[in-house]
PDB file of N, CA and C in Angstrom:
ATOM      1  N   UNK A   1     159.932 138.336 154.677  1.00  0.00           N
ATOM      2  CA  UNK A   1     160.465 138.230 155.887  1.00  0.00           C
ATOM      3  C   UNK A   1     160.162 139.128 157.039  1.00  0.00           C
ATOM      4  N   UNK A   2     159.900 138.657 158.051  1.00  0.00           N
ATOM      5  CA  UNK A   2     159.555 139.588 159.240  1.00  0.00           C
ATOM      6  C   UNK A   2     160.806 139.284 160.342  1.00  0.00           C
ATOM      7  N   UNK A   3     161.032 140.638 160.995  1.00  0.00           N
ATOM      8  CA  UNK A   3     161.501 140.479 161.928  1.00  0.00           C
ATOM      9  C   UNK A   3     162.097 141.657 162.830  1.00  0.00           C
ATOM     10  N   UNK A   4     162.300 141.577 164.233  1.00  0.00           N
ATOM     11  CA  UNK A   4     162.436 143.047 164.729  1.00  0.00           C
ATOM     12  C   UNK A   4     161.189 143.787 164.203  1.00  0.00           C
ATOM     13  N   UNK A   5     159.865 143.754 164.273  1.00  0.00           N
ATOM     14  CA  UNK A   5     159.363 144.521 163.418  1.00  0.00           C
ATOM     15  C   UNK A   5     158.765 145.099 162.466  1.00  0.00           C
ATOM     16  N   UNK A   6     159.602 144.416 161.622  1.00  0.00           N
ATOM     17  CA  UNK A   6     159.715 145.264 160.562  1.00  0.00           C
ATOM     18  C   UNK A   6     159.687 144.270 159.282  1.00  0.00           C
ATOM     19  N   UNK A   7     159.141 144.050 158.459  1.00  0.00           N
ATOM     20  CA  UNK A   7     159.100 143.345 157.036  1.00  0.00           C
ATOM     21  C   UNK A   7     160.209 143.758 156.012  1.00  0.00           C
ATOM     22  N   UNK A   8     160.935 142.799 155.331  1.00  0.00           N
ATOM     23  CA  UNK A   8     161.263 143.011 153.898  1.00  0.00           C
ATOM     24  C   UNK A   8     160.963 141.821 153.319  1.00  0.00           C
ATOM     25  N   UNK A   9     161.348 142.130 152.095  1.00  0.00           N
ATOM     26  CA  UNK A   9     161.337 141.158 150.630  1.00  0.00           C
ATOM     27  C   UNK A   9     162.998 140.247 150.660  1.00  0.00           C
ATOM     28  N   UNK A  10     162.549 139.214 150.547  1.00  0.00           N
ATOM     29  CA  UNK A  10     164.139 138.192 150.198  1.00  0.00           C
ATOM     30  C   UNK A  10     163.431 137.325 149.588  1.00  0.00           C
ATOM     31  N   UNK A  11     164.539 136.712 148.913  1.00  0.00           N
ATOM     32  CA  UNK A  11     164.392 135.655 147.775  1.00  0.00           C
ATOM     33  C   UNK A  11     164.701 134.617 148.085  1.00  0.00           C
ATOM     34  N   UNK A  12     164.278 133.527 148.193  1.00  0.00           N
ATOM     35  CA  UNK A  12     164.609 132.212 148.700  1.00  0.00           C
ATOM     36  C   UNK A  12     165.448 131.414 147.824  1.00  0.00           C
ATOM     37  N   UNK A  13     166.359 131.032 147.896  1.00  0.00           N
ATOM     38  CA  UNK A  13     167.490 130.746 147.199  1.00  0.00           C
ATOM     39  C   UNK A  13     167.348 129.036 147.558  1.00  0.00           C
ATOM     40  N   UNK A  14     167.322 128.307 148.548  1.00  0.00           N
ATOM     41  CA  UNK A  14     167.581 127.179 148.607  1.00  0.00           C
ATOM     42  C   UNK A  14     166.553 126.701 149.957  1.00  0.00           C
ATOM     43  N   UNK A  15     166.138 125.396 149.740  1.00  0.00           N
ATOM     44  CA  UNK A  15     165.149 124.869 151.148  1.00  0.00           C
ATOM     45  C   UNK A  15     165.160 123.298 151.027  1.00  0.00           C
ATOM     46  N   UNK A  16     165.328 123.174 152.777  1.00  0.00           N
ATOM     47  CA  UNK A  16     165.154 121.813 153.067  1.00  0.00           C
ATOM     48  C   UNK A  16     164.304 121.492 153.789  1.00  0.00           C
ATOM     49  N   UNK A  17     164.335 120.192 154.307  1.00  0.00           N
ATOM     50  CA  UNK A  17     163.167 120.035 155.276  1.00  0.00           C
ATOM     51  C   UNK A  17     163.658 120.933 156.826  1.00  0.00           C
ATOM     52  N   UNK A  18     165.220 121.395 157.105  1.00  0.00           N
ATOM     53  CA  UNK A  18     165.092 121.421 158.056  1.00  0.00           C
ATOM     54  C   UNK A  18     165.253 123.082 157.818  1.00  0.00           C
ATOM     55  N   UNK A  19     165.390 123.794 156.857  1.00  0.00           N
ATOM     56  CA  UNK A  19     165.440 125.428 156.837  1.00  0.00           C
ATOM     57  C   UNK A  19     165.674 125.684 155.414  1.00  0.00           C
ATOM     58  N   UNK A  20     165.915 127.079 155.028  1.00  0.00           N
ATOM     59  CA  UNK A  20     166.384 127.447 154.029  1.00  0.00           C
ATOM     60  C   UNK A  20     167.613 129.138 153.868  1.00  0.00           C
ATOM     61  N   UNK A  21     167.860 129.034 152.502  1.00  0.00           N
ATOM     62  CA  UNK A  21     168.936 130.205 152.714  1.00  0.00           C
ATOM     63  C   UNK A  21     168.087 131.334 151.676  1.00  0.00           C
ATOM     64  N   UNK A  22     168.054 132.365 152.383  1.00  0.00           N
ATOM     65  CA  UNK A  22     167.848 133.661 151.763  1.00  0.00           C
ATOM     66  C   UNK A  22     168.216 134.622 151.685  1.00  0.00           C
ATOM     67  N   UNK A  23     168.380 135.348 150.390  1.00  0.00           N
ATOM     68  CA  UNK A  23     169.035 136.913 149.866  1.00  0.00           C
ATOM     69  C   UNK A  23     168.480 137.591 150.162  1.00  0.00           C
ATOM     70  N   UNK A  24     169.312 138.899 150.083  1.00  0.00           N
ATOM     71  CA  UNK A  24     168.462 140.432 150.234  1.00  0.00           C
ATOM     72  C   UNK A  24     168.123 140.508 151.386  1.00  0.00           C
ATOM     73  N   UNK A  25     168.398 139.409 152.496  1.00  0.00           N
ATOM     74  CA  UNK A  25     168.233 139.962 153.948  1.00  0.00           C
ATOM     75  C   UNK A  25     168.722 140.797 154.437  1.00  0.00           C
ATOM     76  N   UNK A  26     168.452 141.903 155.385  1.00  0.00           N
ATOM     77  CA  UNK A  26     169.194 143.034 155.919  1.00  0.00           C
ATOM     78  C   UNK A  26     169.265 143.110 157.463  1.00  0.00           C
ATOM     79  N   UNK A  27     170.150 143.225 158.028  1.00  0.00           N
ATOM     80  CA  UNK A  27     169.944 143.575 159.490  1.00  0.00           C
ATOM     81  C   UNK A  27     169.636 142.134 160.216  1.00  0.00           C
ATOM     82  N   UNK A  28     170.017 141.313 159.797  1.00  0.00           N
ATOM     83  CA  UNK A  28     169.728 140.019 160.346  1.00  0.00           C
ATOM     84  C   UNK A  28     171.190 139.118 161.221  1.00  0.00           C
ATOM     85  N   UNK A  29     170.892 138.693 162.689  1.00  0.00           N
ATOM     86  CA  UNK A  29     172.121 138.100 162.812  1.00  0.00           C
ATOM     87  C   UNK A  29     171.843 136.726 163.116  1.00  0.00           C
ATOM     88  N   UNK A  30     173.001 136.157 163.790  1.00  0.00           N
ATOM     89  CA  UNK A  30     172.365 134.758 164.457  1.00  0.00           C
ATOM     90  C   UNK A  30     171.477 134.993 165.761  1.00  0.00           C
ATOM     91  N   UNK A  31     170.709 134.050 165.769  1.00  0.00           N
ATOM     92  CA  UNK A  31     170.223 133.713 166.490  1.00  0.00           C
ATOM     93  C   UNK A  31     168.517 134.733 166.690  1.00  0.00           C
ATOM     94  N   UNK A  32     168.452 135.656 165.898  1.00  0.00           N
ATOM     95  CA  UNK A  32     167.241 136.354 165.360  1.00  0.00           C
ATOM     96  C   UNK A  32     166.070 135.522 164.957  1.00  0.00           C
ATOM     97  N   UNK A  33     164.659 135.675 165.788  1.00  0.00           N
ATOM     98  CA  UNK A  33     163.923 134.912 165.708  1.00  0.00           C
ATOM     99  C   UNK A  33     163.152 136.045 164.046  1.00  0.00           C
ATOM    100  N   UNK A  34     162.404 134.790 163.125  1.00  0.00           N
ATOM    101  CA  UNK A  34     162.346 135.754 161.833  1.00  0.00           C
ATOM    102  C   UNK A  34     160.821 134.750 161.798  1.00  0.00           C
ATOM    103  N   UNK A  35     160.246 135.271 160.677  1.00  0.00           N
ATOM    104  CA  UNK A  35     158.985 134.795 159.760  1.00  0.00           C
ATOM    105  C   UNK A  35     158.864 134.670 158.755  1.00  0.00           C
ATOM    106  N   UNK A  36     158.453 133.550 157.914  1.00  0.00           N
ATOM    107  CA  UNK A  36     159.156 133.973 156.541  1.00  0.00           C
ATOM    108  C   UNK A  36     157.397 133.847 155.972  1.00  0.00           C
ATOM    109  N   UNK A  37     156.945 134.493 155.074  1.00  0.00           N
ATOM    110  CA  UNK A  37     155.810 134.651 154.690  1.00  0.00           C
ATOM    111  C   UNK A  37     155.826 134.512 153.179  1.00  0.00           C
ATOM    112  N   UNK A  38     155.068 132.934 152.959  1.00  0.00           N
ATOM    113  CA  UNK A  38     155.305 132.390 151.458  1.00  0.00           C
ATOM    114  C   UNK A  38     154.031 133.177 150.232  1.00  0.00           C
ATOM    115  N   UNK A  39     154.144 132.858 149.296  1.00  0.00           N
ATOM    116  CA  UNK A  39     153.272 133.852 148.358  1.00  0.00           C
ATOM    117  C   UNK A  39     151.769 133.140 148.718  1.00  0.00           C
ATOM    118  N   UNK A  40     151.975 131.806 149.092  1.00  0.00           N
ATOM    119  CA  UNK A  40     150.471 130.697 149.227  1.00  0.00           C
ATOM    120  C   UNK A  40     150.419 131.277 150.455  1.00  0.00           C
ATOM    121  N   UNK A  41     150.556 132.120 151.200  1.00  0.00           N
ATOM    122  CA  UNK A  41     150.342 132.821 152.365  1.00  0.00           C
ATOM    123  C   UNK A  41     150.175 131.744 153.798  1.00  0.00           C
ATOM    124  N   UNK A  42     151.359 131.426 153.601  1.00  0.00           N
ATOM    125  CA  UNK A  42     151.666 130.237 154.773  1.00  0.00           C
ATOM    126  C   UNK A  42     152.642 131.204 155.126  1.00  0.00           C
ATOM    127  N   UNK A  43     152.956 130.735 156.505  1.00  0.00           N
ATOM    128  CA  UNK A  43     153.778 131.402 157.084  1.00  0.00           C
ATOM    129  C   UNK A  43     154.925 129.732 157.844  1.00  0.00           C
ATOM    130  N   UNK A  44     156.299 130.308 157.734  1.00  0.00           N
ATOM    131  CA  UNK A  44     157.406 129.242 158.437  1.00  0.00           C
ATOM    132  C   UNK A  44     157.888 129.753 159.114  1.00  0.00           C
ATOM    133  N   UNK A  45     158.224 129.670 160.335  1.00  0.00           N
ATOM    134  CA  UNK A  45     158.769 130.398 161.577  1.00  0.00           C
ATOM    135  C   UNK A  45     160.349 129.567 161.423  1.00  0.00           C
ATOM    136  N   UNK A  46     161.585 130.628 162.489  1.00  0.00           N
ATOM    137  CA  UNK A  46     162.435 129.583 162.898  1.00  0.00           C
ATOM    138  C   UNK A  46     163.582 130.835 163.115  1.00  0.00           C
ATOM    139  N   UNK A  47     164.727 130.662 163.006  1.00  0.00           N
ATOM    140  CA  UNK A  47     165.751 131.157 164.035  1.00  0.00           C
ATOM    141  C   UNK A  47     166.810 131.189 162.982  1.00  0.00           C
ATOM    142  N   UNK A  48     167.528 132.672 162.401  1.00  0.00           N
ATOM    143  CA  UNK A  48     168.645 132.978 161.575  1.00  0.00           C
ATOM    144  C   UNK A  48     169.663 132.191 162.562  1.00  0.00           C
ATOM    145  N   UNK A  49     170.629 130.917 161.796  1.00  0.00           N
ATOM    146  CA  UNK A  49     171.566 130.317 161.940  1.00  0.00           C
ATOM    147  C   UNK A  49     173.217 130.311 161.465  1.00  0.00           C
ATOM    148  N   UNK A  50     172.697 131.685 160.338  1.00  0.00           N
ATOM    149  CA  UNK A  50     174.394 132.299 160.354  1.00  0.00           C
ATOM    150  C   UNK A  50     173.986 133.221 159.167  1.00  0.00           C
ATOM    151  N   UNK A  51     174.518 134.533 159.030  1.00  0.00           N
ATOM    152  CA  UNK A  51     173.786 135.614 158.163  1.00  0.00           C
ATOM    153  C   UNK A  51     175.209 136.098 157.567  1.00  0.00           C
ATOM    154  N   UNK A  52     176.054 136.314 156.167  1.00  0.00           N
ATOM    155  CA  UNK A  52     176.367 136.913 155.652  1.00  0.00           C
ATOM    156  C   UNK A  52     176.297 137.696 154.312  1.00  0.00           C
ATOM    157  N   UNK A  53     176.881 139.012 154.282  1.00  0.00           N
ATOM    158  CA  UNK A  53     176.476 140.064 153.837  1.00  0.00           C
ATOM    159  C   UNK A  53     174.615 140.148 153.420  1.00  0.00           C
ATOM    160  N   UNK A  54     174.195 139.765 152.159  1.00  0.00           N
ATOM    161  CA  UNK A  54     172.648 140.101 151.940  1.00  0.00           C
ATOM    162  C   UNK A  54     172.242 138.491 152.145  1.00  0.00           C
ATOM    163  N   UNK A  55     173.043 137.731 152.734  1.00  0.00           N
ATOM    164  CA  UNK A  55     172.392 136.615 152.741  1.00  0.00           C
ATOM    165  C   UNK A  55     172.749 135.481 153.847  1.00  0.00           C
ATOM    166  N   UNK A  56     171.220 135.158 154.269  1.00  0.00           N
ATOM    167  CA  UNK A  56     171.419 134.409 155.814  1.00  0.00           C
ATOM    168  C   UNK A  56     170.456 132.824 155.457  1.00  0.00           C
ATOM    169  N   UNK A  57     170.591 132.022 156.745  1.00  0.00           N
ATOM    170  CA  UNK A  57     170.633 130.700 157.049  1.00  0.00           C
ATOM    171  C   UNK A  57     169.567 130.686 157.970  1.00  0.00           C
ATOM    172  N   UNK A  58     167.994 130.106 157.838  1.00  0.00           N
ATOM    173  CA  UNK A  58     167.177 130.235 158.953  1.00  0.00           C
ATOM    174  C   UNK A  58     166.769 128.665 159.221  1.00  0.00           C
ATOM    175  N   UNK A  59     166.823 128.368 160.181  1.00  0.00           N
ATOM    176  CA  UNK A  59     166.542 126.881 160.979  1.00  0.00           C
ATOM    177  C   UNK A  59     165.102 127.157 161.101  1.00  0.00           C
ATOM    178  N   UNK A  60     164.351 126.359 160.685  1.00  0.00           N
ATOM    179  CA  UNK A  60     162.660 125.901 161.289  1.00  0.00           C
ATOM    180  C   UNK A  60     162.627 125.781 162.586  1.00  0.00           C
ATOM    181  N   UNK A  61     161.633 126.095 162.906  1.00  0.00           N
ATOM    182  CA  UNK A  61     161.129 125.933 164.313  1.00  0.00           C
ATOM    183  C   UNK A  61     160.845 124.025 164.255  1.00  0.00           C
ATOM    184  N   UNK A  62     159.961 124.124 163.317  1.00  0.00           N
ATOM    185  CA  UNK A  62     159.522 122.324 163.217  1.00  0.00           C
ATOM    186  C   UNK A  62     160.187 122.192 161.576  1.00  0.00           C
ATOM    187  N   UNK A  63     161.205 120.655 161.019  1.00  0.00           N
ATOM    188  CA  UNK A  63     161.164 120.512 160.463  1.00  0.00           C
ATOM    189  C   UNK A  63     159.843 119.969 159.498  1.00  0.00           C
ATOM    190  N   UNK A  64     160.067 120.338 157.739  1.00  0.00           N
ATOM    191  CA  UNK A  64     158.947 120.292 157.054  1.00  0.00           C
ATOM    192  C   UNK A  64     159.121 118.568 156.686  1.00  0.00           C
ATOM    193  N   UNK A  65     157.622 118.052 156.060  1.00  0.00           N
ATOM    194  CA  UNK A  65     157.169 116.941 156.218  1.00  0.00           C
ATOM    195  C   UNK A  65     158.138 117.005 154.859  1.00  0.00           C
ATOM    196  N   UNK A  66     158.818 115.298 154.571  1.00  0.00           N
ATOM    197  CA  UNK A  66     159.221 115.119 153.109  1.00  0.00           C
ATOM    198  C   UNK A  66     158.141 115.806 151.846  1.00  0.00           C
ATOM    199  N   UNK A  67     157.282 115.346 152.042  1.00  0.00           N
ATOM    200  CA  UNK A  67     156.097 115.664 151.035  1.00  0.00           C
ATOM    201  C   UNK A  67     155.691 117.292 150.884  1.00  0.00           C
ATOM    202  N   UNK A  68     155.920 117.812 151.779  1.00  0.00           N
ATOM    203  CA  UNK A  68     156.000 119.629 151.847  1.00  0.00           C
ATOM    204  C   UNK A  68     155.465 119.910 150.544  1.00  0.00           C
ATOM    205  N   UNK A  69     154.330 120.880 150.288  1.00  0.00           N
ATOM    206  CA  UNK A  69     154.373 121.367 149.005  1.00  0.00           C
ATOM    207  C   UNK A  69     155.665 122.239 148.697  1.00  0.00           C
ATOM    208  N   UNK A  70     156.289 123.164 150.117  1.00  0.00           N
ATOM    209  CA  UNK A  70     156.874 124.172 150.153  1.00  0.00           C
ATOM    210  C   UNK A  70     157.986 123.448 149.600  1.00  0.00           C
ATOM    211  N   UNK A  71     158.835 122.088 149.712  1.00  0.00           N
ATOM    212  CA  UNK A  71     160.150 121.723 149.180  1.00  0.00           C
ATOM    213  C   UNK A  71     159.813 121.241 147.334  1.00  0.00           C
ATOM    214  N   UNK A  72     158.672 121.389 147.151  1.00  0.00           N
ATOM    215  CA  UNK A  72     158.118 120.972 145.554  1.00  0.00           C
ATOM    216  C   UNK A  72     157.926 122.260 144.846  1.00  0.00           C
ATOM    217  N   UNK A  73     158.041 123.279 145.535  1.00  0.00           N
ATOM    218  CA  UNK A  73     158.140 124.388 144.430  1.00  0.00           C
ATOM    219  C   UNK A  73     159.163 125.126 144.075  1.00  0.00           C
ATOM    220  N   UNK A  74     159.136 125.708 142.981  1.00  0.00           N
ATOM    221  CA  UNK A  74     160.389 126.330 142.632  1.00  0.00           C
ATOM    222  C   UNK A  74     160.330 127.417 142.729  1.00  0.00           C
ATOM    223  N   UNK A  75     161.373 128.540 143.355  1.00  0.00           N
ATOM    224  CA  UNK A  75     161.316 129.739 144.047  1.00  0.00           C
ATOM    225  C   UNK A  75     162.346 130.462 143.391  1.00  0.00           C
TER     226      UNK A  75
END
């Protein structure tokens, strides 16, 4: 995950068409713009909508398609 000019490794816990929940994200607050780099070299952009301890929720800039491989992958 990239935000505020720095990158950090996170664990994706849940993914939906509209966004994802990540764990081990630090220093993020609602309204922060983020980019999530996946192992497949794909990048998803969005905004932090909530943050509690080491967890945060990200709403994607563009919802994923119903058949998007990200939704079919197990993280």
